[in-house]
């Protein structure tokens, strides 16, 4: 088999990269077994333009927010699914300084902060909260599991998916091509999340494995038109009365598996917050491919021209992956530049070792 590009991984990065390369009329094959999707599948899918205790606008938010809506709507139309919905975040500050930070930001132009659409009386029927309430708008929720499965089916129908675990020892570099088993391609692109951190070609990059855990709870009493945020705990509506309650942000951990400590602490927090009964139905855990700089890796290897990468999105994968997948696809096909803050060539020296 001969193709233009081999893509490793069909999580959110691999999905968007394969989408844009197909739009460029390039031939591709995606290599992925079900486990490679686990990080994207376990994500809540929330896109939030505001972050931190200082309530600041996230990196590139002004460009990303309209772009995200347009691109997810386009892929949804292609796949005939609902891929993205607007569900603004209702924020319940947990301390007086956070409350003041929101009050300060609400006075600023284009801060994304406003007074909530839901009344305090309506909110008090659902939640216990000690301070004022604010709304972040717009915020989006990506229907991750529906999108990834629909795109997987699309690739299967085009004979562009190999459901197998990638074996780097089977990779052979020729003068202008790369060979993987019986596949010859111009380039192979690592979009396999934390898997790339174990690659002998990419292991020197400053990856940070970031563990995230979330509980899946059932509640029949919460208003599903919004997302709700209490400190580090966010409630994202999934479907059928099910809510994603997460997520942890663990840099030091002894296991990648769900832990009883997280389950107990989160359940206690939910009990303190929610006025109506809920039932915990599941417990998810995954490792995010974050980076020391909190900026992605996108571009071509410093030594091996047949190698490229799209990785390191961390907890912002739903918003960053489509943008940098499009940049990387344009770079591969048209030699267009990649944002220097994300271009993997900024690590030319360590990749040349």
C-alpha atoms as a PDB file:
ATOM      1  CA  UNK A   1       0.000   0.000   0.000  1.00  0.00           C
ATOM      2  CA  UNK A   2       1.255   3.469  -0.879  1.00  0.00           C
ATOM      3  CA  UNK A   3      -0.237   6.620   0.694  1.00  0.00           C
ATOM      4  CA  UNK A   4       0.802  10.194   1.181  1.00  0.00           C
ATOM      5  CA  UNK A   5       0.650  10.119   4.991  1.00  0.00           C
ATOM      6  CA  UNK A   6       0.452   7.634   7.842  1.00  0.00           C
ATOM      7  CA  UNK A   7      -1.166   9.011  11.001  1.00  0.00           C
ATOM      8  CA  UNK A   8      -0.678   7.273  14.345  1.00  0.00           C
ATOM      9  CA  UNK A   9      -3.682   7.697  16.612  1.00  0.00           C
ATOM     10  CA  UNK A  10      -7.330   8.622  16.135  1.00  0.00           C
ATOM     11  CA  UNK A  11      -7.913  10.704  19.207  1.00  0.00           C
ATOM     12  CA  UNK A  12      -8.890  14.339  18.785  1.00  0.00           C
ATOM     13  CA  UNK A  13      -5.560  15.313  17.145  1.00  0.00           C
ATOM     14  CA  UNK A  14      -5.479  12.372  14.734  1.00  0.00           C
ATOM     15  CA  UNK A  15      -9.137  12.891  13.861  1.00  0.00           C
ATOM     16  CA  UNK A  16      -8.647  16.534  12.906  1.00  0.00           C
ATOM     17  CA  UNK A  17      -5.366  15.964  11.077  1.00  0.00           C
ATOM     18  CA  UNK A  18      -6.857  13.183   8.966  1.00  0.00           C
ATOM     19  CA  UNK A  19      -9.882  15.404   8.274  1.00  0.00           C
ATOM     20  CA  UNK A  20      -7.774  18.285   6.961  1.00  0.00           C
ATOM     21  CA  UNK A  21      -5.421  16.082   4.927  1.00  0.00           C
ATOM     22  CA  UNK A  22      -8.404  14.419   3.253  1.00  0.00           C
ATOM     23  CA  UNK A  23      -9.767  17.895   2.478  1.00  0.00           C
ATOM     24  CA  UNK A  24      -6.432  18.525   0.736  1.00  0.00           C
ATOM     25  CA  UNK A  25      -7.160  15.428  -1.386  1.00  0.00           C
ATOM     26  CA  UNK A  26      -4.245  13.515   0.145  1.00  0.00           C
ATOM     27  CA  UNK A  27      -4.296   9.766   0.692  1.00  0.00           C
ATOM     28  CA  UNK A  28      -3.927   8.687   4.297  1.00  0.00           C
ATOM     29  CA  UNK A  29      -4.048   5.689   6.567  1.00  0.00           C
ATOM     30  CA  UNK A  30      -4.690   6.009  10.293  1.00  0.00           C
ATOM     31  CA  UNK A  31      -3.233   3.356  12.602  1.00  0.00           C
ATOM     32  CA  UNK A  32      -5.125   3.088  15.864  1.00  0.00           C
ATOM     33  CA  UNK A  33      -6.311   0.528  18.328  1.00  0.00           C
ATOM     34  CA  UNK A  34      -9.110   1.374  20.735  1.00  0.00           C
ATOM     35  CA  UNK A  35      -6.732   2.203  23.611  1.00  0.00           C
ATOM     36  CA  UNK A  36      -5.180   5.115  21.712  1.00  0.00           C
ATOM     37  CA  UNK A  37      -8.516   6.903  21.822  1.00  0.00           C
ATOM     38  CA  UNK A  38      -8.903   6.563  25.572  1.00  0.00           C
ATOM     39  CA  UNK A  39      -7.661  10.033  26.542  1.00  0.00           C
ATOM     40  CA  UNK A  40      -9.928  11.847  24.102  1.00  0.00           C
ATOM     41  CA  UNK A  41     -12.840   9.549  24.907  1.00  0.00           C
ATOM     42  CA  UNK A  42     -12.496  10.236  28.626  1.00  0.00           C
ATOM     43  CA  UNK A  43     -12.469  14.028  28.186  1.00  0.00           C
ATOM     44  CA  UNK A  44     -15.462  16.134  29.096  1.00  0.00           C
ATOM     45  CA  UNK A  45     -15.196  18.008  25.797  1.00  0.00           C
ATOM     46  CA  UNK A  46     -15.501  21.445  27.402  1.00  0.00           C
ATOM     47  CA  UNK A  47     -14.138  24.513  25.587  1.00  0.00           C
ATOM     48  CA  UNK A  48     -13.732  27.403  28.018  1.00  0.00           C
ATOM     49  CA  UNK A  49     -12.102  30.737  27.025  1.00  0.00           C
ATOM     50  CA  UNK A  50     -11.329  31.703  30.655  1.00  0.00           C
ATOM     51  CA  UNK A  51      -8.819  30.179  33.047  1.00  0.00           C
ATOM     52  CA  UNK A  52      -7.127  30.460  36.430  1.00  0.00           C
ATOM     53  CA  UNK A  53      -7.646  32.269  39.712  1.00  0.00           C
ATOM     54  CA  UNK A  54      -6.992  35.587  37.974  1.00  0.00           C
ATOM     55  CA  UNK A  55      -9.837  34.782  35.553  1.00  0.00           C
ATOM     56  CA  UNK A  56      -7.781  35.542  32.449  1.00  0.00           C
ATOM     57  CA  UNK A  57      -8.569  34.833  28.809  1.00  0.00           C
ATOM     58  CA  UNK A  58      -6.895  31.659  27.512  1.00  0.00           C
ATOM     59  CA  UNK A  59      -4.197  31.635  24.851  1.00  0.00           C
ATOM     60  CA  UNK A  60      -5.578  32.512  21.381  1.00  0.00           C
ATOM     61  CA  UNK A  61      -9.190  32.511  22.614  1.00  0.00           C
ATOM     62  CA  UNK A  62     -10.259  35.427  20.403  1.00  0.00           C
ATOM     63  CA  UNK A  63      -9.216  33.495  17.280  1.00  0.00           C
ATOM     64  CA  UNK A  64     -10.098  30.025  18.492  1.00  0.00           C
ATOM     65  CA  UNK A  65     -13.687  30.488  19.642  1.00  0.00           C
ATOM     66  CA  UNK A  66     -15.247  31.442  16.278  1.00  0.00           C
ATOM     67  CA  UNK A  67     -12.938  29.030  14.429  1.00  0.00           C
ATOM     68  CA  UNK A  68     -13.902  26.120  16.679  1.00  0.00           C
ATOM     69  CA  UNK A  69     -17.614  26.610  16.172  1.00  0.00           C
ATOM     70  CA  UNK A  70     -17.258  26.803  12.407  1.00  0.00           C
ATOM     71  CA  UNK A  71     -14.970  23.762  12.079  1.00  0.00           C
ATOM     72  CA  UNK A  72     -16.855  21.447  14.423  1.00  0.00           C
ATOM     73  CA  UNK A  73     -20.094  22.441  12.696  1.00  0.00           C
ATOM     74  CA  UNK A  74     -18.517  21.564   9.340  1.00  0.00           C
ATOM     75  CA  UNK A  75     -17.352  18.101  10.380  1.00  0.00           C
ATOM     76  CA  UNK A  76     -20.738  17.518  12.046  1.00  0.00           C
ATOM     77  CA  UNK A  77     -22.465  18.300   8.753  1.00  0.00           C
ATOM     78  CA  UNK A  78     -20.178  15.876   6.911  1.00  0.00           C
ATOM     79  CA  UNK A  79     -20.844  13.084   9.407  1.00  0.00           C
ATOM     80  CA  UNK A  80     -24.536  13.945   9.967  1.00  0.00           C
ATOM     81  CA  UNK A  81     -24.115  14.158  13.752  1.00  0.00           C
ATOM     82  CA  UNK A  82     -24.231  16.806  16.464  1.00  0.00           C
ATOM     83  CA  UNK A  83     -20.564  17.422  17.279  1.00  0.00           C
ATOM     84  CA  UNK A  84     -20.699  20.657  19.274  1.00  0.00           C
ATOM     85  CA  UNK A  85     -23.244  22.529  21.388  1.00  0.00           C
ATOM     86  CA  UNK A  86     -23.078  25.846  23.190  1.00  0.00           C
ATOM     87  CA  UNK A  87     -23.421  25.374  26.935  1.00  0.00           C
ATOM     88  CA  UNK A  88     -22.142  28.393  28.824  1.00  0.00           C
ATOM     89  CA  UNK A  89     -20.457  27.841  32.167  1.00  0.00           C
ATOM     90  CA  UNK A  90     -22.205  28.982  35.310  1.00  0.00           C
ATOM     91  CA  UNK A  91     -19.372  29.665  37.773  1.00  0.00           C
ATOM     92  CA  UNK A  92     -19.693  29.496  41.541  1.00  0.00           C
ATOM     93  CA  UNK A  93     -16.551  31.136  43.049  1.00  0.00           C
ATOM     94  CA  UNK A  94     -15.281  29.282  46.105  1.00  0.00           C
ATOM     95  CA  UNK A  95     -13.577  32.216  47.821  1.00  0.00           C
ATOM     96  CA  UNK A  96     -13.947  36.023  48.203  1.00  0.00           C
ATOM     97  CA  UNK A  97     -10.833  36.773  46.099  1.00  0.00           C
ATOM     98  CA  UNK A  98     -12.205  34.711  43.212  1.00  0.00           C
ATOM     99  CA  UNK A  99     -15.545  36.455  43.487  1.00  0.00           C
ATOM    100  CA  UNK A 100     -13.769  39.808  43.290  1.00  0.00           C
ATOM    101  CA  UNK A 101     -11.738  38.673  40.282  1.00  0.00           C
ATOM    102  CA  UNK A 102     -14.966  37.870  38.418  1.00  0.00           C
ATOM    103  CA  UNK A 103     -16.493  41.203  39.444  1.00  0.00           C
ATOM    104  CA  UNK A 104     -13.399  42.961  38.084  1.00  0.00           C
ATOM    105  CA  UNK A 105     -13.472  41.074  34.788  1.00  0.00           C
ATOM    106  CA  UNK A 106     -17.177  41.597  34.199  1.00  0.00           C
ATOM    107  CA  UNK A 107     -16.477  45.331  33.858  1.00  0.00           C
ATOM    108  CA  UNK A 108     -13.912  44.772  31.105  1.00  0.00           C
ATOM    109  CA  UNK A 109     -14.661  44.765  27.388  1.00  0.00           C
ATOM    110  CA  UNK A 110     -14.599  41.305  25.740  1.00  0.00           C
ATOM    111  CA  UNK A 111     -13.825  39.496  29.002  1.00  0.00           C
ATOM    112  CA  UNK A 112     -16.273  36.608  28.291  1.00  0.00           C
ATOM    113  CA  UNK A 113     -17.762  37.184  31.777  1.00  0.00           C
ATOM    114  CA  UNK A 114     -21.370  38.251  32.334  1.00  0.00           C
ATOM    115  CA  UNK A 115     -24.209  37.916  34.823  1.00  0.00           C
ATOM    116  CA  UNK A 116     -25.892  34.505  34.578  1.00  0.00           C
ATOM    117  CA  UNK A 117     -28.974  33.881  32.500  1.00  0.00           C
ATOM    118  CA  UNK A 118     -30.393  31.573  35.174  1.00  0.00           C
ATOM    119  CA  UNK A 119     -31.744  33.356  38.239  1.00  0.00           C
ATOM    120  CA  UNK A 120     -30.196  32.856  41.661  1.00  0.00           C
ATOM    121  CA  UNK A 121     -33.499  31.464  42.913  1.00  0.00           C
ATOM    122  CA  UNK A 122     -33.506  28.818  40.183  1.00  0.00           C
ATOM    123  CA  UNK A 123     -29.871  27.959  40.903  1.00  0.00           C
ATOM    124  CA  UNK A 124     -30.485  27.701  44.663  1.00  0.00           C
ATOM    125  CA  UNK A 125     -33.068  25.006  43.993  1.00  0.00           C
ATOM    126  CA  UNK A 126     -30.255  22.900  42.522  1.00  0.00           C
ATOM    127  CA  UNK A 127     -27.077  23.950  44.343  1.00  0.00           C
ATOM    128  CA  UNK A 128     -25.626  25.177  47.622  1.00  0.00           C
ATOM    129  CA  UNK A 129     -23.262  28.118  47.063  1.00  0.00           C
ATOM    130  CA  UNK A 130     -21.949  30.889  49.352  1.00  0.00           C
ATOM    131  CA  UNK A 131     -20.984  33.692  46.945  1.00  0.00           C
ATOM    132  CA  UNK A 132     -22.184  35.453  43.803  1.00  0.00           C
ATOM    133  CA  UNK A 133     -22.664  33.593  40.531  1.00  0.00           C
ATOM    134  CA  UNK A 134     -21.207  34.421  37.109  1.00  0.00           C
ATOM    135  CA  UNK A 135     -21.465  33.116  33.556  1.00  0.00           C
ATOM    136  CA  UNK A 136     -18.715  32.526  31.006  1.00  0.00           C
ATOM    137  CA  UNK A 137     -20.005  32.996  27.463  1.00  0.00           C
ATOM    138  CA  UNK A 138     -19.652  31.549  24.923  1.00  0.00           C
ATOM    139  CA  UNK A 139     -18.550  28.085  26.045  1.00  0.00           C
ATOM    140  CA  UNK A 140     -18.898  24.934  24.006  1.00  0.00           C
ATOM    141  CA  UNK A 141     -19.103  21.209  24.667  1.00  0.00           C
ATOM    142  CA  UNK A 142     -17.768  18.805  22.051  1.00  0.00           C
ATOM    143  CA  UNK A 143     -19.617  15.507  21.844  1.00  0.00           C
ATOM    144  CA  UNK A 144     -16.352  13.588  21.988  1.00  0.00           C
ATOM    145  CA  UNK A 145     -17.484   9.984  21.931  1.00  0.00           C
ATOM    146  CA  UNK A 146     -20.024  10.572  19.157  1.00  0.00           C
ATOM    147  CA  UNK A 147     -17.501  12.520  17.061  1.00  0.00           C
ATOM    148  CA  UNK A 148     -14.634  10.026  17.437  1.00  0.00           C
ATOM    149  CA  UNK A 149     -16.833   7.036  16.649  1.00  0.00           C
ATOM    150  CA  UNK A 150     -18.483   8.719  13.659  1.00  0.00           C
ATOM    151  CA  UNK A 151     -15.073   9.694  12.245  1.00  0.00           C
ATOM    152  CA  UNK A 152     -13.777   6.166  12.862  1.00  0.00           C
ATOM    153  CA  UNK A 153     -16.691   4.809  10.829  1.00  0.00           C
ATOM    154  CA  UNK A 154     -15.954   7.368   8.111  1.00  0.00           C
ATOM    155  CA  UNK A 155     -12.305   6.275   7.901  1.00  0.00           C
ATOM    156  CA  UNK A 156     -13.326   2.622   7.854  1.00  0.00           C
ATOM    157  CA  UNK A 157     -15.686   3.249   4.956  1.00  0.00           C
ATOM    158  CA  UNK A 158     -12.826   4.877   3.030  1.00  0.00           C
ATOM    159  CA  UNK A 159     -10.474   1.968   3.852  1.00  0.00           C
ATOM    160  CA  UNK A 160      -8.255   4.490   5.620  1.00  0.00           C
ATOM    161  CA  UNK A 161      -8.113   2.889   9.084  1.00  0.00           C
ATOM    162  CA  UNK A 162      -5.955   0.046  10.367  1.00  0.00           C
ATOM    163  CA  UNK A 163      -7.120  -1.143  13.775  1.00  0.00           C
ATOM    164  CA  UNK A 164      -3.850  -2.271  15.270  1.00  0.00           C
ATOM    165  CA  UNK A 165      -1.275  -1.200  17.852  1.00  0.00           C
ATOM    166  CA  UNK A 166       1.551   0.794  16.290  1.00  0.00           C
ATOM    167  CA  UNK A 167       4.958  -0.921  16.475  1.00  0.00           C
ATOM    168  CA  UNK A 168       7.778   1.596  16.077  1.00  0.00           C
ATOM    169  CA  UNK A 169      10.356  -1.165  15.536  1.00  0.00           C
ATOM    170  CA  UNK A 170       8.700  -1.853  12.150  1.00  0.00           C
ATOM    171  CA  UNK A 171       9.488   1.672  10.930  1.00  0.00           C
ATOM    172  CA  UNK A 172      12.114   1.979   8.170  1.00  0.00           C
ATOM    173  CA  UNK A 173      13.368   5.249   6.667  1.00  0.00           C
ATOM    174  CA  UNK A 174      14.246   5.385   2.997  1.00  0.00           C
ATOM    175  CA  UNK A 175      15.761   8.369   1.196  1.00  0.00           C
ATOM    176  CA  UNK A 176      12.489  10.218   0.585  1.00  0.00           C
ATOM    177  CA  UNK A 177       9.866   7.895   2.072  1.00  0.00           C
ATOM    178  CA  UNK A 178       9.044   5.956   5.195  1.00  0.00           C
ATOM    179  CA  UNK A 179       8.063   2.294   5.292  1.00  0.00           C
ATOM    180  CA  UNK A 180       5.811   0.786   7.954  1.00  0.00           C
ATOM    181  CA  UNK A 181       5.260  -2.937   7.398  1.00  0.00           C
ATOM    182  CA  UNK A 182       3.553  -3.061   3.970  1.00  0.00           C
ATOM    183  CA  UNK A 183       2.784   0.697   3.821  1.00  0.00           C
ATOM    184  CA  UNK A 184       4.952   3.270   2.060  1.00  0.00           C
ATOM    185  CA  UNK A 185       4.346   6.967   2.717  1.00  0.00           C
ATOM    186  CA  UNK A 186       5.916  10.383   2.349  1.00  0.00           C
ATOM    187  CA  UNK A 187       5.628  11.003   6.086  1.00  0.00           C
ATOM    188  CA  UNK A 188       4.384   9.424   9.289  1.00  0.00           C
ATOM    189  CA  UNK A 189       2.783  11.708  11.891  1.00  0.00           C
ATOM    190  CA  UNK A 190       2.645  10.907  15.606  1.00  0.00           C
ATOM    191  CA  UNK A 191      -0.755  12.004  16.924  1.00  0.00           C
ATOM    192  CA  UNK A 192      -0.933   9.316  19.601  1.00  0.00           C
ATOM    193  CA  UNK A 193      -0.933  11.378  22.793  1.00  0.00           C
ATOM    194  CA  UNK A 194       1.289  10.084  25.587  1.00  0.00           C
ATOM    195  CA  UNK A 195       2.468   7.286  23.296  1.00  0.00           C
ATOM    196  CA  UNK A 196       4.804   9.719  21.551  1.00  0.00           C
ATOM    197  CA  UNK A 197       6.620  10.359  24.838  1.00  0.00           C
ATOM    198  CA  UNK A 198       7.914   6.759  24.641  1.00  0.00           C
ATOM    199  CA  UNK A 199       9.051   7.093  21.019  1.00  0.00           C
ATOM    200  CA  UNK A 200      12.823   7.035  20.522  1.00  0.00           C
ATOM    201  CA  UNK A 201      12.390   9.884  18.023  1.00  0.00           C
ATOM    202  CA  UNK A 202      10.333  12.187  20.271  1.00  0.00           C
ATOM    203  CA  UNK A 203      11.218  11.156  23.837  1.00  0.00           C
ATOM    204  CA  UNK A 204      13.535  14.162  24.337  1.00  0.00           C
ATOM    205  CA  UNK A 205      10.644  16.594  23.946  1.00  0.00           C
ATOM    206  CA  UNK A 206       9.489  18.143  27.259  1.00  0.00           C
ATOM    207  CA  UNK A 207       6.319  16.115  27.622  1.00  0.00           C
ATOM    208  CA  UNK A 208       4.430  16.181  30.922  1.00  0.00           C
ATOM    209  CA  UNK A 209       2.044  13.328  31.633  1.00  0.00           C
ATOM    210  CA  UNK A 210      -1.000  14.829  33.290  1.00  0.00           C
ATOM    211  CA  UNK A 211      -3.525  12.472  34.845  1.00  0.00           C
ATOM    212  CA  UNK A 212      -7.180  13.387  34.751  1.00  0.00           C
ATOM    213  CA  UNK A 213      -9.992  11.608  36.565  1.00  0.00           C
ATOM    214  CA  UNK A 214     -13.732  12.168  36.372  1.00  0.00           C
ATOM    215  CA  UNK A 215     -16.854  10.580  37.784  1.00  0.00           C
ATOM    216  CA  UNK A 216     -19.892   9.894  35.627  1.00  0.00           C
ATOM    217  CA  UNK A 217     -22.973  10.658  37.690  1.00  0.00           C
ATOM    218  CA  UNK A 218     -26.684  10.401  37.032  1.00  0.00           C
ATOM    219  CA  UNK A 219     -28.919  13.285  38.050  1.00  0.00           C
ATOM    220  CA  UNK A 220     -32.446  13.963  36.881  1.00  0.00           C
ATOM    221  CA  UNK A 221     -32.701  17.375  38.517  1.00  0.00           C
ATOM    222  CA  UNK A 222     -30.064  19.624  36.925  1.00  0.00           C
ATOM    223  CA  UNK A 223     -30.781  22.156  34.196  1.00  0.00           C
ATOM    224  CA  UNK A 224     -29.011  20.711  31.134  1.00  0.00           C
ATOM    225  CA  UNK A 225     -28.753  24.028  29.245  1.00  0.00           C
ATOM    226  CA  UNK A 226     -25.550  24.965  31.107  1.00  0.00           C
ATOM    227  CA  UNK A 227     -22.251  23.640  32.389  1.00  0.00           C
ATOM    228  CA  UNK A 228     -21.452  24.243  36.066  1.00  0.00           C
ATOM    229  CA  UNK A 229     -18.110  24.978  37.685  1.00  0.00           C
ATOM    230  CA  UNK A 230     -17.236  24.865  41.404  1.00  0.00           C
ATOM    231  CA  UNK A 231     -13.500  25.512  41.832  1.00  0.00           C
ATOM    232  CA  UNK A 232     -11.710  22.599  40.137  1.00  0.00           C
ATOM    233  CA  UNK A 233     -14.918  20.585  39.817  1.00  0.00           C
ATOM    234  CA  UNK A 234     -16.888  20.995  36.589  1.00  0.00           C
ATOM    235  CA  UNK A 235     -20.201  19.354  35.710  1.00  0.00           C
ATOM    236  CA  UNK A 236     -20.696  18.738  31.982  1.00  0.00           C
ATOM    237  CA  UNK A 237     -23.917  17.238  30.661  1.00  0.00           C
ATOM    238  CA  UNK A 238     -23.372  14.168  28.481  1.00  0.00           C
ATOM    239  CA  UNK A 239     -26.729  12.534  27.680  1.00  0.00           C
ATOM    240  CA  UNK A 240     -29.611  10.597  29.274  1.00  0.00           C
ATOM    241  CA  UNK A 241     -29.304  12.351  32.681  1.00  0.00           C
ATOM    242  CA  UNK A 242     -25.576  11.551  32.794  1.00  0.00           C
ATOM    243  CA  UNK A 243     -23.020  14.174  33.809  1.00  0.00           C
ATOM    244  CA  UNK A 244     -19.225  14.233  33.621  1.00  0.00           C
ATOM    245  CA  UNK A 245     -17.879  15.441  36.993  1.00  0.00           C
ATOM    246  CA  UNK A 246     -14.192  16.287  36.844  1.00  0.00           C
ATOM    247  CA  UNK A 247     -11.429  16.686  36.379  1.00  0.00           C
ATOM    248  CA  UNK A 248      -8.306  16.180  38.410  1.00  0.00           C
ATOM    249  CA  UNK A 249      -5.018  17.658  37.247  1.00  0.00           C
ATOM    250  CA  UNK A 250      -2.413  15.275  38.636  1.00  0.00           C
ATOM    251  CA  UNK A 251       1.273  15.657  37.802  1.00  0.00           C
ATOM    252  CA  UNK A 252       2.448  13.197  40.434  1.00  0.00           C
ATOM    253  CA  UNK A 253       0.648   9.850  40.473  1.00  0.00           C
ATOM    254  CA  UNK A 254       1.475   6.227  41.242  1.00  0.00           C
ATOM    255  CA  UNK A 255      -1.058   4.674  38.877  1.00  0.00           C
ATOM    256  CA  UNK A 256      -2.848   5.664  35.684  1.00  0.00           C
ATOM    257  CA  UNK A 257      -5.951   3.838  36.908  1.00  0.00           C
ATOM    258  CA  UNK A 258      -8.923   5.449  38.718  1.00  0.00           C
ATOM    259  CA  UNK A 259      -8.295   5.852  42.439  1.00  0.00           C
ATOM    260  CA  UNK A 260     -10.643   5.430  45.380  1.00  0.00           C
ATOM    261  CA  UNK A 261      -9.283   8.634  46.916  1.00  0.00           C
ATOM    262  CA  UNK A 262     -10.506  10.728  43.959  1.00  0.00           C
ATOM    263  CA  UNK A 263     -13.847   8.951  43.957  1.00  0.00           C
ATOM    264  CA  UNK A 264     -14.436   9.565  47.659  1.00  0.00           C
ATOM    265  CA  UNK A 265     -13.338  13.219  47.639  1.00  0.00           C
ATOM    266  CA  UNK A 266     -15.356  14.057  44.529  1.00  0.00           C
ATOM    267  CA  UNK A 267     -18.438  12.269  45.828  1.00  0.00           C
ATOM    268  CA  UNK A 268     -18.175  14.268  49.079  1.00  0.00           C
ATOM    269  CA  UNK A 269     -17.866  17.501  47.096  1.00  0.00           C
ATOM    270  CA  UNK A 270     -20.908  16.617  45.003  1.00  0.00           C
ATOM    271  CA  UNK A 271     -22.889  15.833  48.137  1.00  0.00           C
ATOM    272  CA  UNK A 272     -22.005  19.253  49.569  1.00  0.00           C
ATOM    273  CA  UNK A 273     -22.944  21.066  46.347  1.00  0.00           C
ATOM    274  CA  UNK A 274     -26.028  19.282  45.019  1.00  0.00           C
ATOM    275  CA  UNK A 275     -29.381  19.655  46.751  1.00  0.00           C
ATOM    276  CA  UNK A 276     -30.981  16.808  44.821  1.00  0.00           C
ATOM    277  CA  UNK A 277     -29.968  13.105  44.808  1.00  0.00           C
ATOM    278  CA  UNK A 278     -27.423  11.718  42.364  1.00  0.00           C
ATOM    279  CA  UNK A 279     -25.915   8.305  41.613  1.00  0.00           C
ATOM    280  CA  UNK A 280     -22.319   7.632  40.588  1.00  0.00           C
ATOM    281  CA  UNK A 281     -22.411   5.350  37.547  1.00  0.00           C
ATOM    282  CA  UNK A 282     -18.774   5.195  36.414  1.00  0.00           C
ATOM    283  CA  UNK A 283     -15.241   6.442  37.091  1.00  0.00           C
ATOM    284  CA  UNK A 284     -12.896   7.418  34.236  1.00  0.00           C
ATOM    285  CA  UNK A 285      -9.168   8.068  34.215  1.00  0.00           C
ATOM    286  CA  UNK A 286      -6.665   8.917  31.479  1.00  0.00           C
ATOM    287  CA  UNK A 287      -3.244  10.465  30.883  1.00  0.00           C
ATOM    288  CA  UNK A 288      -3.146  13.718  28.944  1.00  0.00           C
ATOM    289  CA  UNK A 289      -0.135  14.563  26.753  1.00  0.00           C
ATOM    290  CA  UNK A 290       0.720  17.961  28.242  1.00  0.00           C
ATOM    291  CA  UNK A 291       3.962  19.934  27.872  1.00  0.00           C
ATOM    292  CA  UNK A 292       6.255  21.918  30.149  1.00  0.00           C
ATOM    293  CA  UNK A 293       5.510  25.126  28.214  1.00  0.00           C
ATOM    294  CA  UNK A 294       1.779  24.395  27.907  1.00  0.00           C
ATOM    295  CA  UNK A 295       2.133  24.757  24.156  1.00  0.00           C
ATOM    296  CA  UNK A 296       1.595  21.982  21.582  1.00  0.00           C
ATOM    297  CA  UNK A 297       4.129  20.185  19.409  1.00  0.00           C
ATOM    298  CA  UNK A 298       3.385  20.505  15.688  1.00  0.00           C
ATOM    299  CA  UNK A 299       5.721  20.076  12.736  1.00  0.00           C
ATOM    300  CA  UNK A 300       8.502  18.030  11.180  1.00  0.00           C
ATOM    301  CA  UNK A 301      11.350  16.338  13.030  1.00  0.00           C
ATOM    302  CA  UNK A 302      14.718  18.122  13.070  1.00  0.00           C
ATOM    303  CA  UNK A 303      16.634  15.081  11.750  1.00  0.00           C
ATOM    304  CA  UNK A 304      14.118  12.789  10.050  1.00  0.00           C
ATOM    305  CA  UNK A 305      12.225  14.678   7.374  1.00  0.00           C
ATOM    306  CA  UNK A 306       9.786  11.780   7.022  1.00  0.00           C
ATOM    307  CA  UNK A 307       8.631  12.225  10.645  1.00  0.00           C
ATOM    308  CA  UNK A 308       6.125  14.759  11.956  1.00  0.00           C
ATOM    309  CA  UNK A 309       4.144  15.254  15.142  1.00  0.00           C
ATOM    310  CA  UNK A 310       0.845  16.730  16.358  1.00  0.00           C
ATOM    311  CA  UNK A 311       0.746  16.343  20.099  1.00  0.00           C
ATOM    312  CA  UNK A 312       1.000  17.913  23.548  1.00  0.00           C
ATOM    313  CA  UNK A 313      -2.464  19.511  23.641  1.00  0.00           C
ATOM    314  CA  UNK A 314      -2.985  18.791  27.340  1.00  0.00           C
ATOM    315  CA  UNK A 315      -6.435  19.614  28.678  1.00  0.00           C
ATOM    316  CA  UNK A 316      -7.080  22.036  25.774  1.00  0.00           C
ATOM    317  CA  UNK A 317      -7.210  19.388  23.072  1.00  0.00           C
ATOM    318  CA  UNK A 318     -10.770  20.126  21.961  1.00  0.00           C
ATOM    319  CA  UNK A 319      -9.873  23.726  21.140  1.00  0.00           C
ATOM    320  CA  UNK A 320      -6.206  23.471  20.091  1.00  0.00           C
ATOM    321  CA  UNK A 321      -6.309  20.261  18.028  1.00  0.00           C
ATOM    322  CA  UNK A 322      -8.398  21.553  15.087  1.00  0.00           C
ATOM    323  CA  UNK A 323      -6.396  24.789  14.823  1.00  0.00           C
ATOM    324  CA  UNK A 324      -2.954  23.160  14.827  1.00  0.00           C
ATOM    325  CA  UNK A 325      -4.103  20.179  12.770  1.00  0.00           C
ATOM    326  CA  UNK A 326      -5.099  22.654  10.058  1.00  0.00           C
ATOM    327  CA  UNK A 327      -1.767  24.481  10.398  1.00  0.00           C
ATOM    328  CA  UNK A 328       0.190  21.229  10.202  1.00  0.00           C
ATOM    329  CA  UNK A 329      -1.791  19.981   7.200  1.00  0.00           C
ATOM    330  CA  UNK A 330      -1.112  23.274   5.399  1.00  0.00           C
ATOM    331  CA  UNK A 331       2.556  23.041   6.340  1.00  0.00           C
ATOM    332  CA  UNK A 332       2.861  19.484   5.005  1.00  0.00           C
ATOM    333  CA  UNK A 333       1.015  20.183   1.759  1.00  0.00           C
ATOM    334  CA  UNK A 334       1.826  23.837   1.026  1.00  0.00           C
ATOM    335  CA  UNK A 335       4.887  24.567   3.228  1.00  0.00           C
ATOM    336  CA  UNK A 336       2.829  27.162   5.109  1.00  0.00           C
ATOM    337  CA  UNK A 337       4.326  28.309   8.431  1.00  0.00           C
ATOM    338  CA  UNK A 338       3.305  26.933  11.810  1.00  0.00           C
ATOM    339  CA  UNK A 339       2.867  29.270  14.767  1.00  0.00           C
ATOM    340  CA  UNK A 340       6.416  29.457  16.205  1.00  0.00           C
ATOM    341  CA  UNK A 341       5.075  28.953  19.736  1.00  0.00           C
ATOM    342  CA  UNK A 342       3.831  25.523  18.641  1.00  0.00           C
ATOM    343  CA  UNK A 343       6.325  24.587  15.933  1.00  0.00           C
ATOM    344  CA  UNK A 344       8.329  21.576  17.128  1.00  0.00           C
ATOM    345  CA  UNK A 345      11.369  23.104  15.428  1.00  0.00           C
ATOM    346  CA  UNK A 346      11.785  25.244  18.560  1.00  0.00           C
ATOM    347  CA  UNK A 347      13.317  22.051  20.014  1.00  0.00           C
ATOM    348  CA  UNK A 348      15.684  21.533  17.084  1.00  0.00           C
ATOM    349  CA  UNK A 349      18.735  21.104  19.335  1.00  0.00           C
ATOM    350  CA  UNK A 350      17.311  18.416  21.598  1.00  0.00           C
ATOM    351  CA  UNK A 351      15.751  16.545  18.675  1.00  0.00           C
ATOM    352  CA  UNK A 352      19.133  16.532  16.946  1.00  0.00           C
ATOM    353  CA  UNK A 353      20.823  14.641  19.763  1.00  0.00           C
END
